[in-house]
Each structure stands twice: as structure tokens, then as C-alpha cells.
Amino acid sequence: MLGQHHGAEFHKSSHSDPDNCVYVARPQGATVAVKDGKTPHGPALEFGDPGWGAFIEWAARRA
């Protein structure tokens, strides 16, 4: 799901590098929002806890 998450506090991922930054926030309850650092005012991908876990596993296999 895509959302704007106005007012959510996004934090830069510790696994980001200067050219590929990923920002993460927990805007409401069990939701996790992820956005690309190249478009900081753009929409964010939104995951529930099960989807976030699956996304992290998928990303770790590609790192």
C-alpha cells in the first residue's frame, strides 16, 4: 500500500549508503512505512508486521 505519512518520523536505515538511502517509520500501530531517500517527499510503501518480516527476509537474501 502507498501512503504519504505526513508527520511520521522517518529514520535512515543503518544499511543504507550515500547513493541508496532507505528511510523507515512506524506511523501507526503495527504498520511500517518505507521510502526512498531520493524522493523524500514522495509516497512510502506500507507493510503490516507479517509483510515487513517477509520484506526483510527477501531483502537480506539479495544483500
PDB file of N, CA and C in Angstrom:
ATOM      1  N   MET A   1       0.848  -1.162   0.000  1.00  0.00           N
ATOM      2  CA  MET A   1       0.000   0.000   0.000  1.00  0.00           C
ATOM      3  C   MET A   1       0.900   1.234   0.000  1.00  0.00           C
ATOM      4  N   LEU A   2       0.477   2.275  -0.654  1.00  0.00           N
ATOM      5  CA  LEU A   2       1.225   3.529  -0.682  1.00  0.00           C
ATOM      6  C   LEU A   2       0.549   4.561   0.205  1.00  0.00           C
ATOM      7  N   GLY A   3       1.357   5.377   0.860  1.00  0.00           N
ATOM      8  CA  GLY A   3       0.812   6.441   1.683  1.00  0.00           C
ATOM      9  C   GLY A   3       1.794   7.587   1.798  1.00  0.00           C
ATOM     10  N   GLN A   4       1.314   8.755   2.205  1.00  0.00           N
ATOM     11  CA  GLN A   4       2.184   9.921   2.358  1.00  0.00           C
ATOM     12  C   GLN A   4       2.789  10.000   3.760  1.00  0.00           C
ATOM     13  N   HIS A   5       2.065   9.584   4.786  1.00  0.00           N
ATOM     14  CA  HIS A   5       2.549   9.544   6.168  1.00  0.00           C
ATOM     15  C   HIS A   5       3.054  10.899   6.655  1.00  0.00           C
ATOM     16  N   HIS A   6       2.237  11.917   6.476  1.00  0.00           N
ATOM     17  CA  HIS A   6       2.593  13.258   6.954  1.00  0.00           C
ATOM     18  C   HIS A   6       2.782  13.218   8.464  1.00  0.00           C
ATOM     19  N   GLY A   7       3.880  13.775   8.924  1.00  0.00           N
ATOM     20  CA  GLY A   7       4.154  13.831  10.351  1.00  0.00           C
ATOM     21  C   GLY A   7       4.854  12.603  10.904  1.00  0.00           C
ATOM     22  N   ALA A   8       4.978  11.534  10.129  1.00  0.00           N
ATOM     23  CA  ALA A   8       5.681  10.345  10.600  1.00  0.00           C
ATOM     24  C   ALA A   8       7.170  10.653  10.667  1.00  0.00           C
ATOM     25  N   GLU A   9       7.833  10.127  11.670  1.00  0.00           N
ATOM     26  CA  GLU A   9       9.265  10.362  11.830  1.00  0.00           C
ATOM     27  C   GLU A   9      10.035   9.224  11.169  1.00  0.00           C
ATOM     28  N   PHE A  10      10.623   9.514  10.017  1.00  0.00           N
ATOM     29  CA  PHE A  10      11.392   8.521   9.275  1.00  0.00           C
ATOM     30  C   PHE A  10      12.848   8.545   9.730  1.00  0.00           C
ATOM     31  N   HIS A  11      13.448   7.353   9.806  1.00  0.00           N
ATOM     32  CA  HIS A  11      14.844   7.200  10.202  1.00  0.00           C
ATOM     33  C   HIS A  11      15.596   6.499   9.084  1.00  0.00           C
ATOM     34  N   LYS A  12      16.811   6.946   8.819  1.00  0.00           N
ATOM     35  CA  LYS A  12      17.640   6.335   7.778  1.00  0.00           C
ATOM     36  C   LYS A  12      18.091   4.950   8.238  1.00  0.00           C
ATOM     37  N   SER A  13      17.946   3.976   7.361  1.00  0.00           N
ATOM     38  CA  SER A  13      18.382   2.617   7.662  1.00  0.00           C
ATOM     39  C   SER A  13      19.889   2.578   7.861  1.00  0.00           C
ATOM     40  N   SER A  14      20.340   1.797   8.825  1.00  0.00           N
ATOM     41  CA  SER A  14      21.780   1.670   9.077  1.00  0.00           C
ATOM     42  C   SER A  14      22.484   0.921   7.952  1.00  0.00           C
ATOM     43  N   HIS A  15      21.734   0.262   7.080  1.00  0.00           N
ATOM     44  CA  HIS A  15      22.320  -0.477   5.958  1.00  0.00           C
ATOM     45  C   HIS A  15      22.340   0.341   4.672  1.00  0.00           C
ATOM     46  N   SER A  16      21.976   1.608   4.742  1.00  0.00           N
ATOM     47  CA  SER A  16      21.981   2.477   3.563  1.00  0.00           C
ATOM     48  C   SER A  16      23.387   2.991   3.291  1.00  0.00           C
ATOM     49  N   ASP A  17      23.631   3.340   2.038  1.00  0.00           N
ATOM     50  CA  ASP A  17      24.877   4.029   1.702  1.00  0.00           C
ATOM     51  C   ASP A  17      24.502   5.393   1.121  1.00  0.00           C
ATOM     52  N   PRO A  18      25.465   6.277   0.878  1.00  0.00           N
ATOM     53  CA  PRO A  18      25.130   7.642   0.443  1.00  0.00           C
ATOM     54  C   PRO A  18      24.282   7.730  -0.828  1.00  0.00           C
ATOM     55  N   ASP A  19      24.431   6.782  -1.744  1.00  0.00           N
ATOM     56  CA  ASP A  19      23.685   6.841  -3.004  1.00  0.00           C
ATOM     57  C   ASP A  19      22.372   6.062  -2.985  1.00  0.00           C
ATOM     58  N   ASN A  20      22.177   5.220  -1.989  1.00  0.00           N
ATOM     59  CA  ASN A  20      20.977   4.376  -1.910  1.00  0.00           C
ATOM     60  C   ASN A  20      20.449   4.387  -0.484  1.00  0.00           C
ATOM     61  N   CYS A  21      19.705   5.417  -0.140  1.00  0.00           N
ATOM     62  CA  CYS A  21      19.183   5.567   1.217  1.00  0.00           C
ATOM     63  C   CYS A  21      17.745   5.069   1.304  1.00  0.00           C
ATOM     64  N   VAL A  22      17.480   4.317   2.352  1.00  0.00           N
ATOM     65  CA  VAL A  22      16.133   3.848   2.645  1.00  0.00           C
ATOM     66  C   VAL A  22      15.757   4.405   4.012  1.00  0.00           C
ATOM     67  N   TYR A  23      14.549   4.954   4.100  1.00  0.00           N
ATOM     68  CA  TYR A  23      14.056   5.503   5.355  1.00  0.00           C
ATOM     69  C   TYR A  23      12.858   4.690   5.830  1.00  0.00           C
ATOM     70  N   VAL A  24      12.786   4.476   7.151  1.00  0.00           N
ATOM     71  CA  VAL A  24      11.753   3.640   7.750  1.00  0.00           C
ATOM     72  C   VAL A  24      11.070   4.414   8.870  1.00  0.00           C
ATOM     73  N   ALA A  25       9.747   4.228   9.000  1.00  0.00           N
ATOM     74  CA  ALA A  25       8.980   4.840  10.094  1.00  0.00           C
ATOM     75  C   ALA A  25       7.902   3.868  10.548  1.00  0.00           C
ATOM     76  N   ARG A  26       7.434   4.055  11.774  1.00  0.00           N
ATOM     77  CA  ARG A  26       6.282   3.314  12.298  1.00  0.00           C
ATOM     78  C   ARG A  26       5.184   4.337  12.571  1.00  0.00           C
ATOM     79  N   PRO A  27       4.443   4.728  11.510  1.00  0.00           N
ATOM     80  CA  PRO A  27       3.470   5.815  11.667  1.00  0.00           C
ATOM     81  C   PRO A  27       2.251   5.485  12.516  1.00  0.00           C
ATOM     82  N   GLN A  28       1.803   4.249  12.534  1.00  0.00           N
ATOM     83  CA  GLN A  28       0.615   3.921  13.312  1.00  0.00           C
ATOM     84  C   GLN A  28       0.590   2.438  13.653  1.00  0.00           C
ATOM     85  N   GLY A  29       0.583   2.130  14.927  1.00  0.00           N
ATOM     86  CA  GLY A  29       0.459   0.760  15.384  1.00  0.00           C
ATOM     87  C   GLY A  29       1.471  -0.201  14.800  1.00  0.00           C
ATOM     88  N   ALA A  30       0.958  -1.252  14.172  1.00  0.00           N
ATOM     89  CA  ALA A  30       1.801  -2.318  13.644  1.00  0.00           C
ATOM     90  C   ALA A  30       2.201  -2.076  12.197  1.00  0.00           C
ATOM     91  N   THR A  31       2.058  -0.861  11.720  1.00  0.00           N
ATOM     92  CA  THR A  31       2.404  -0.531  10.341  1.00  0.00           C
ATOM     93  C   THR A  31       3.844  -0.038  10.264  1.00  0.00           C
ATOM     94  N   VAL A  32       4.553  -0.449   9.208  1.00  0.00           N
ATOM     95  CA  VAL A  32       5.906   0.035   8.936  1.00  0.00           C
ATOM     96  C   VAL A  32       5.877   0.706   7.571  1.00  0.00           C
ATOM     97  N   ALA A  33       6.404   1.918   7.484  1.00  0.00           N
ATOM     98  CA  ALA A  33       6.452   2.653   6.221  1.00  0.00           C
ATOM     99  C   ALA A  33       7.907   2.767   5.771  1.00  0.00           C
ATOM    100  N   VAL A  34       8.140   2.570   4.472  1.00  0.00           N
ATOM    101  CA  VAL A  34       9.485   2.619   3.896  1.00  0.00           C
ATOM    102  C   VAL A  34       9.457   3.561   2.708  1.00  0.00           C
ATOM    103  N   LYS A  35      10.464   4.444   2.618  1.00  0.00           N
ATOM    104  CA  LYS A  35      10.525   5.333   1.457  1.00  0.00           C
ATOM    105  C   LYS A  35      11.956   5.452   0.961  1.00  0.00           C
ATOM    106  N   ASP A  36      12.066   5.828  -0.292  1.00  0.00           N
ATOM    107  CA  ASP A  36      13.344   6.015  -0.971  1.00  0.00           C
ATOM    108  C   ASP A  36      13.891   7.392  -0.631  1.00  0.00           C
ATOM    109  N   GLY A  37      15.159   7.464  -0.234  1.00  0.00           N
ATOM    110  CA  GLY A  37      15.788   8.731   0.103  1.00  0.00           C
ATOM    111  C   GLY A  37      15.888   9.692  -1.065  1.00  0.00           C
ATOM    112  N   LYS A  38      15.786   9.179  -2.294  1.00  0.00           N
ATOM    113  CA  LYS A  38      15.859  10.047  -3.473  1.00  0.00           C
ATOM    114  C   LYS A  38      14.570  10.835  -3.680  1.00  0.00           C
ATOM    115  N   THR A  39      13.486  10.382  -3.079  1.00  0.00           N
ATOM    116  CA  THR A  39      12.196  11.071  -3.173  1.00  0.00           C
ATOM    117  C   THR A  39      11.618  11.245  -1.765  1.00  0.00           C
ATOM    118  N   PRO A  40      12.256  12.057  -0.916  1.00  0.00           N
ATOM    119  CA  PRO A  40      11.845  12.162   0.480  1.00  0.00           C
ATOM    120  C   PRO A  40      10.428  12.682   0.695  1.00  0.00           C
ATOM    121  N   HIS A  41       9.880  13.419  -0.267  1.00  0.00           N
ATOM    122  CA  HIS A  41       8.517  13.940  -0.117  1.00  0.00           C
ATOM    123  C   HIS A  41       7.506  13.102  -0.885  1.00  0.00           C
ATOM    124  N   GLY A  42       7.956  11.992  -1.444  1.00  0.00           N
ATOM    125  CA  GLY A  42       7.077  11.113  -2.204  1.00  0.00           C
ATOM    126  C   GLY A  42       6.373  10.109  -1.306  1.00  0.00           C
ATOM    127  N   PRO A  43       5.617   9.216  -1.910  1.00  0.00           N
ATOM    128  CA  PRO A  43       4.875   8.218  -1.143  1.00  0.00           C
ATOM    129  C   PRO A  43       5.802   7.182  -0.523  1.00  0.00           C
ATOM    130  N   ALA A  44       5.265   6.436   0.412  1.00  0.00           N
ATOM    131  CA  ALA A  44       6.006   5.373   1.086  1.00  0.00           C
ATOM    132  C   ALA A  44       5.275   4.054   0.891  1.00  0.00           C
ATOM    133  N   LEU A  45       6.032   2.964   0.866  1.00  0.00           N
ATOM    134  CA  LEU A  45       5.424   1.638   0.890  1.00  0.00           C
ATOM    135  C   LEU A  45       5.041   1.344   2.327  1.00  0.00           C
ATOM    136  N   GLU A  46       3.898   0.714   2.522  1.00  0.00           N
ATOM    137  CA  GLU A  46       3.408   0.440   3.865  1.00  0.00           C
ATOM    138  C   GLU A  46       3.241  -1.066   4.048  1.00  0.00           C
ATOM    139  N   PHE A  47       3.771  -1.585   5.151  1.00  0.00           N
ATOM    140  CA  PHE A  47       3.709  -3.014   5.448  1.00  0.00           C
ATOM    141  C   PHE A  47       3.089  -3.225   6.824  1.00  0.00           C
ATOM    142  N   GLY A  48       2.310  -4.300   6.987  1.00  0.00           N
ATOM    143  CA  GLY A  48       1.919  -4.776   8.302  1.00  0.00           C
ATOM    144  C   GLY A  48       3.079  -5.613   8.831  1.00  0.00           C
ATOM    145  N   ASP A  49       3.036  -6.026  10.095  1.00  0.00           N
ATOM    146  CA  ASP A  49       4.147  -6.793  10.656  1.00  0.00           C
ATOM    147  C   ASP A  49       4.490  -8.057   9.869  1.00  0.00           C
ATOM    148  N   PRO A  50       3.522  -8.899   9.459  1.00  0.00           N
ATOM    149  CA  PRO A  50       3.893 -10.091   8.678  1.00  0.00           C
ATOM    150  C   PRO A  50       4.542  -9.729   7.340  1.00  0.00           C
ATOM    151  N   GLY A  51       4.021  -8.724   6.670  1.00  0.00           N
ATOM    152  CA  GLY A  51       4.584  -8.296   5.393  1.00  0.00           C
ATOM    153  C   GLY A  51       5.970  -7.702   5.560  1.00  0.00           C
ATOM    154  N   TRP A  52       6.193  -6.962   6.657  1.00  0.00           N
ATOM    155  CA  TRP A  52       7.501  -6.372   6.927  1.00  0.00           C
ATOM    156  C   TRP A  52       8.536  -7.476   7.137  1.00  0.00           C
ATOM    157  N   GLY A  53       8.178  -8.504   7.902  1.00  0.00           N
ATOM    158  CA  GLY A  53       9.096  -9.626   8.122  1.00  0.00           C
ATOM    159  C   GLY A  53       9.467 -10.307   6.817  1.00  0.00           C
ATOM    160  N   ALA A  54       8.483 -10.524   5.958  1.00  0.00           N
ATOM    161  CA  ALA A  54       8.741 -11.149   4.658  1.00  0.00           C
ATOM    162  C   ALA A  54       9.619 -10.250   3.790  1.00  0.00           C
ATOM    163  N   PHE A  55       9.388  -8.939   3.826  1.00  0.00           N
ATOM    164  CA  PHE A  55      10.202  -7.999   3.056  1.00  0.00           C
ATOM    165  C   PHE A  55      11.655  -8.029   3.530  1.00  0.00           C
ATOM    166  N   ILE A  56      11.880  -8.025   4.839  1.00  0.00           N
ATOM    167  CA  ILE A  56      13.241  -8.058   5.391  1.00  0.00           C
ATOM    168  C   ILE A  56      13.951  -9.344   4.984  1.00  0.00           C
ATOM    169  N   GLU A  57      13.265 -10.482   5.064  1.00  0.00           N
ATOM    170  CA  GLU A  57      13.868 -11.752   4.635  1.00  0.00           C
ATOM    171  C   GLU A  57      14.230 -11.703   3.158  1.00  0.00           C
ATOM    172  N   TRP A  58      13.336 -11.170   2.332  1.00  0.00           N
ATOM    173  CA  TRP A  58      13.589 -11.054   0.893  1.00  0.00           C
ATOM    174  C   TRP A  58      14.799 -10.162   0.632  1.00  0.00           C
ATOM    175  N   ALA A  59      14.853  -9.008   1.293  1.00  0.00           N
ATOM    176  CA  ALA A  59      15.960  -8.066   1.088  1.00  0.00           C
ATOM    177  C   ALA A  59      17.286  -8.656   1.567  1.00  0.00           C
ATOM    178  N   ALA A  60      17.271  -9.390   2.671  1.00  0.00           N
ATOM    179  CA  ALA A  60      18.504  -9.983   3.200  1.00  0.00           C
ATOM    180  C   ALA A  60      19.085 -11.009   2.234  1.00  0.00           C
ATOM    181  N   ARG A  61      18.237 -11.731   1.545  1.00  0.00           N
ATOM    182  CA  ARG A  61      18.725 -12.724   0.575  1.00  0.00           C
ATOM    183  C   ARG A  61      19.379 -12.054  -0.623  1.00  0.00           C
ATOM    184  N   ARG A  62      19.077 -10.807  -0.879  1.00  0.00           N
ATOM    185  CA  ARG A  62      19.619 -10.100  -2.037  1.00  0.00           C
ATOM    186  C   ARG A  62      20.771  -9.166  -1.686  1.00  0.00           C
ATOM    187  N   ALA A  63      21.114  -9.104  -0.419  1.00  0.00           N
ATOM    188  CA  ALA A  63      22.191  -8.190   0.024  1.00  0.00           C
ATOM    189  C   ALA A  63      23.559  -8.768  -0.268  1.00  0.00           C
TER     190      ALA A  63
END
